[in-house]
Amino acid sequence: MPVDGLSLATRTLVTASTPGADMTPGQLDYTSRPLDVALQQDGWLVVQAADGAEGYTRNGNIQVGPTGQLTIQGHPVIGEGGPITVPEGR
């Protein structure tokens, strides 16, 4: 279906799946870190991207930042109420 923009006509493609996503479970390695998680089946973790948009990752290496905020590769982990923060002293 053509979509007319400000300068060029373009096409869009809609798909009902995540192209290229391999959901095959990988090897599980015990790390002894209490915040490392492994996701099963089609599970995803929600993070806040650099532009503020919602992003998804299967990387389970969760860190606690200096302010107590949970992060994955520097991106805040998002829960139902927004970024997840660990209470001080926990």
N, C-alpha and C. Protein backbone atom coordinates (compact mmCIF):
# COMPACT_ATOMS: atom_id res chain seq x y z
N MET A 1 0.84 -1.17 0.00
CA MET A 1 0.00 0.00 0.00
C MET A 1 0.89 1.23 0.00
N PRO A 2 0.77 2.11 -0.98
CA PRO A 2 1.60 3.31 -1.02
C PRO A 2 1.23 4.30 0.09
N VAL A 3 2.24 4.93 0.62
CA VAL A 3 2.05 5.98 1.61
C VAL A 3 2.76 7.21 1.07
N ASP A 4 2.04 8.32 0.93
CA ASP A 4 2.63 9.54 0.39
C ASP A 4 3.18 10.38 1.53
N GLY A 5 4.49 10.66 1.47
CA GLY A 5 5.13 11.50 2.47
C GLY A 5 5.26 12.91 1.95
N LEU A 6 6.08 13.71 2.62
CA LEU A 6 6.28 15.08 2.20
C LEU A 6 7.02 15.18 0.87
N SER A 7 7.92 14.19 0.61
CA SER A 7 8.69 14.32 -0.62
C SER A 7 8.71 13.06 -1.48
N LEU A 8 8.56 11.89 -0.90
CA LEU A 8 8.66 10.66 -1.67
C LEU A 8 7.51 9.71 -1.34
N ALA A 9 7.07 8.99 -2.35
CA ALA A 9 6.10 7.91 -2.11
C ALA A 9 6.87 6.71 -1.57
N THR A 10 6.31 6.04 -0.57
CA THR A 10 6.98 4.88 0.02
C THR A 10 6.00 3.73 0.11
N ARG A 11 6.50 2.58 0.52
CA ARG A 11 5.64 1.42 0.76
C ARG A 11 5.85 0.97 2.20
N THR A 12 4.82 0.35 2.74
CA THR A 12 4.94 -0.21 4.09
C THR A 12 4.68 -1.70 4.03
N LEU A 13 5.24 -2.42 4.97
CA LEU A 13 5.04 -3.86 5.06
C LEU A 13 4.64 -4.19 6.49
N VAL A 14 3.56 -4.91 6.64
CA VAL A 14 3.09 -5.31 7.96
C VAL A 14 3.29 -6.80 8.10
N THR A 15 3.80 -7.21 9.26
CA THR A 15 3.99 -8.63 9.52
C THR A 15 3.43 -8.97 10.89
N ALA A 16 2.95 -10.19 11.06
CA ALA A 16 2.33 -10.60 12.31
C ALA A 16 3.32 -11.30 13.24
N SER A 17 4.59 -11.25 12.93
CA SER A 17 5.58 -11.90 13.78
C SER A 17 6.82 -11.01 13.88
N THR A 18 7.74 -11.43 14.71
CA THR A 18 8.99 -10.71 14.84
C THR A 18 9.99 -11.33 13.87
N PRO A 19 10.25 -10.69 12.75
CA PRO A 19 11.15 -11.29 11.77
C PRO A 19 12.56 -11.45 12.34
N GLY A 20 13.13 -12.61 12.13
CA GLY A 20 14.50 -12.84 12.53
C GLY A 20 14.73 -13.15 13.99
N ALA A 21 13.69 -13.18 14.81
CA ALA A 21 13.87 -13.47 16.23
C ALA A 21 13.99 -14.98 16.42
N ASP A 22 15.11 -15.41 17.00
CA ASP A 22 15.33 -16.82 17.28
C ASP A 22 15.02 -17.07 18.74
N MET A 23 13.94 -17.77 19.02
CA MET A 23 13.51 -18.03 20.39
C MET A 23 14.04 -19.36 20.93
N THR A 24 14.99 -19.96 20.23
CA THR A 24 15.59 -21.21 20.70
C THR A 24 16.36 -20.93 21.98
N PRO A 25 16.09 -21.70 23.06
CA PRO A 25 16.81 -21.45 24.31
C PRO A 25 18.31 -21.70 24.14
N GLY A 26 19.10 -20.82 24.70
CA GLY A 26 20.55 -21.00 24.68
C GLY A 26 21.01 -21.73 25.92
N GLN A 27 22.30 -21.85 26.06
CA GLN A 27 22.87 -22.51 27.23
C GLN A 27 22.68 -21.63 28.45
N LEU A 28 22.27 -22.24 29.56
CA LEU A 28 22.13 -21.50 30.81
C LEU A 28 23.42 -21.64 31.61
N ASP A 29 23.98 -20.52 32.01
CA ASP A 29 25.20 -20.50 32.80
C ASP A 29 24.89 -19.94 34.17
N TYR A 30 25.28 -20.65 35.22
CA TYR A 30 25.09 -20.17 36.59
C TYR A 30 26.14 -19.11 36.87
N THR A 31 25.69 -17.91 37.26
CA THR A 31 26.62 -16.79 37.47
C THR A 31 26.80 -16.44 38.94
N SER A 32 25.93 -16.92 39.79
CA SER A 32 25.89 -16.60 41.23
C SER A 32 25.50 -15.15 41.50
N ARG A 33 25.15 -14.39 40.46
CA ARG A 33 24.66 -13.02 40.64
C ARG A 33 23.15 -13.07 40.86
N PRO A 34 22.64 -12.51 41.95
CA PRO A 34 21.21 -12.63 42.24
C PRO A 34 20.29 -11.93 41.25
N LEU A 35 20.80 -11.01 40.44
CA LEU A 35 19.94 -10.29 39.49
C LEU A 35 20.00 -10.84 38.07
N ASP A 36 20.86 -11.81 37.81
CA ASP A 36 20.89 -12.41 36.47
C ASP A 36 19.68 -13.31 36.30
N VAL A 37 18.98 -13.15 35.18
CA VAL A 37 17.79 -13.96 34.91
C VAL A 37 17.90 -14.59 33.53
N ALA A 38 17.19 -15.71 33.36
CA ALA A 38 17.09 -16.38 32.06
C ALA A 38 15.62 -16.40 31.67
N LEU A 39 15.33 -16.05 30.43
CA LEU A 39 13.95 -15.99 29.95
C LEU A 39 13.61 -17.26 29.19
N GLN A 40 12.39 -17.71 29.37
CA GLN A 40 11.93 -18.91 28.68
C GLN A 40 10.93 -18.54 27.59
N GLN A 41 10.84 -19.41 26.61
CA GLN A 41 9.88 -19.30 25.51
C GLN A 41 9.95 -17.93 24.86
N ASP A 42 8.83 -17.19 24.83
CA ASP A 42 8.82 -15.91 24.12
C ASP A 42 8.83 -14.72 25.08
N GLY A 43 9.46 -14.86 26.25
CA GLY A 43 9.52 -13.77 27.23
C GLY A 43 10.50 -12.68 26.82
N TRP A 44 10.18 -11.46 27.19
CA TRP A 44 11.02 -10.30 26.92
C TRP A 44 11.06 -9.42 28.16
N LEU A 45 12.12 -8.67 28.37
CA LEU A 45 12.21 -7.64 29.40
C LEU A 45 12.03 -6.29 28.72
N VAL A 46 11.36 -5.38 29.41
CA VAL A 46 11.11 -4.04 28.85
C VAL A 46 12.15 -3.08 29.40
N VAL A 47 12.77 -2.31 28.51
CA VAL A 47 13.74 -1.30 28.90
C VAL A 47 13.36 0.03 28.23
N GLN A 48 13.94 1.11 28.77
CA GLN A 48 13.72 2.42 28.16
C GLN A 48 14.90 2.72 27.24
N ALA A 49 14.62 2.93 25.97
CA ALA A 49 15.67 3.22 24.99
C ALA A 49 16.21 4.63 25.20
N ALA A 50 17.32 4.93 24.56
CA ALA A 50 17.97 6.24 24.71
C ALA A 50 17.04 7.39 24.32
N ASP A 51 16.13 7.16 23.37
CA ASP A 51 15.21 8.22 22.94
C ASP A 51 13.94 8.27 23.79
N GLY A 52 13.88 7.45 24.87
CA GLY A 52 12.72 7.44 25.75
C GLY A 52 11.66 6.43 25.36
N ALA A 53 11.80 5.83 24.19
CA ALA A 53 10.82 4.85 23.73
C ALA A 53 10.97 3.53 24.50
N GLU A 54 9.94 2.71 24.44
CA GLU A 54 9.97 1.39 25.05
C GLU A 54 10.73 0.44 24.14
N GLY A 55 11.65 -0.32 24.71
CA GLY A 55 12.40 -1.31 23.96
C GLY A 55 12.29 -2.66 24.63
N TYR A 56 12.69 -3.70 23.95
CA TYR A 56 12.58 -5.07 24.47
C TYR A 56 13.92 -5.77 24.32
N THR A 57 14.26 -6.59 25.31
CA THR A 57 15.50 -7.34 25.27
C THR A 57 15.32 -8.70 25.93
N ARG A 58 16.15 -9.63 25.55
CA ARG A 58 16.20 -10.94 26.19
C ARG A 58 17.49 -11.06 27.02
N ASN A 59 18.26 -9.99 27.10
CA ASN A 59 19.48 -9.96 27.89
C ASN A 59 19.09 -9.91 29.36
N GLY A 60 19.46 -10.92 30.12
CA GLY A 60 19.07 -11.01 31.52
C GLY A 60 20.13 -10.56 32.50
N ASN A 61 21.15 -9.82 32.04
CA ASN A 61 22.22 -9.34 32.90
C ASN A 61 21.80 -8.00 33.51
N ILE A 62 21.04 -8.06 34.59
CA ILE A 62 20.49 -6.86 35.22
C ILE A 62 21.49 -6.31 36.23
N GLN A 63 21.68 -5.00 36.19
CA GLN A 63 22.60 -4.30 37.10
C GLN A 63 21.81 -3.30 37.95
N VAL A 64 22.38 -2.92 39.09
CA VAL A 64 21.80 -1.84 39.90
C VAL A 64 22.69 -0.62 39.70
N GLY A 65 22.11 0.47 39.19
CA GLY A 65 22.86 1.69 38.96
C GLY A 65 23.11 2.45 40.25
N PRO A 66 23.88 3.53 40.20
CA PRO A 66 24.24 4.30 41.39
C PRO A 66 23.04 4.88 42.15
N THR A 67 21.92 5.10 41.46
CA THR A 67 20.72 5.64 42.11
C THR A 67 19.76 4.54 42.55
N GLY A 68 20.17 3.27 42.37
CA GLY A 68 19.31 2.14 42.74
C GLY A 68 18.41 1.67 41.62
N GLN A 69 18.51 2.31 40.47
CA GLN A 69 17.67 1.93 39.33
C GLN A 69 18.23 0.67 38.66
N LEU A 70 17.35 -0.29 38.33
CA LEU A 70 17.77 -1.48 37.61
C LEU A 70 18.00 -1.13 36.16
N THR A 71 19.11 -1.62 35.60
CA THR A 71 19.45 -1.34 34.21
C THR A 71 19.94 -2.61 33.51
N ILE A 72 19.80 -2.61 32.20
CA ILE A 72 20.38 -3.64 31.34
C ILE A 72 21.15 -2.88 30.26
N GLN A 73 22.45 -3.08 30.22
CA GLN A 73 23.33 -2.37 29.28
C GLN A 73 23.10 -0.86 29.33
N GLY A 74 22.89 -0.32 30.53
CA GLY A 74 22.70 1.10 30.72
C GLY A 74 21.29 1.61 30.51
N HIS A 75 20.38 0.77 30.07
CA HIS A 75 18.99 1.17 29.83
C HIS A 75 18.14 0.81 31.04
N PRO A 76 17.33 1.74 31.56
CA PRO A 76 16.47 1.44 32.71
C PRO A 76 15.50 0.30 32.40
N VAL A 77 15.34 -0.62 33.36
CA VAL A 77 14.36 -1.69 33.25
C VAL A 77 13.01 -1.11 33.65
N ILE A 78 11.97 -1.36 32.85
CA ILE A 78 10.66 -0.76 33.06
C ILE A 78 9.69 -1.81 33.60
N GLY A 79 8.97 -1.44 34.67
CA GLY A 79 7.90 -2.27 35.21
C GLY A 79 6.56 -1.64 34.89
N GLU A 80 5.51 -2.15 35.51
CA GLU A 80 4.17 -1.62 35.23
C GLU A 80 4.03 -0.15 35.61
N GLY A 81 4.78 0.31 36.61
CA GLY A 81 4.68 1.70 37.05
C GLY A 81 5.81 2.58 36.59
N GLY A 82 6.63 2.11 35.67
CA GLY A 82 7.77 2.89 35.19
C GLY A 82 9.08 2.23 35.55
N PRO A 83 10.19 3.00 35.54
CA PRO A 83 11.50 2.43 35.85
C PRO A 83 11.51 1.79 37.25
N ILE A 84 12.20 0.65 37.36
CA ILE A 84 12.25 -0.09 38.62
C ILE A 84 13.47 0.36 39.41
N THR A 85 13.24 0.74 40.66
CA THR A 85 14.31 1.18 41.55
C THR A 85 14.32 0.31 42.79
N VAL A 86 15.52 -0.10 43.20
CA VAL A 86 15.69 -0.90 44.41
C VAL A 86 15.77 0.06 45.59
N PRO A 87 14.98 -0.18 46.65
CA PRO A 87 15.05 0.70 47.82
C PRO A 87 16.46 0.70 48.42
N GLU A 88 16.87 1.85 48.95
CA GLU A 88 18.20 1.98 49.55
C GLU A 88 18.39 0.96 50.67
N GLY A 89 19.57 0.36 50.71
CA GLY A 89 19.88 -0.62 51.75
C GLY A 89 19.45 -2.03 51.42
N ARG A 90 18.94 -2.28 50.23
CA ARG A 90 18.48 -3.63 49.87
C ARG A 90 19.46 -4.30 48.96
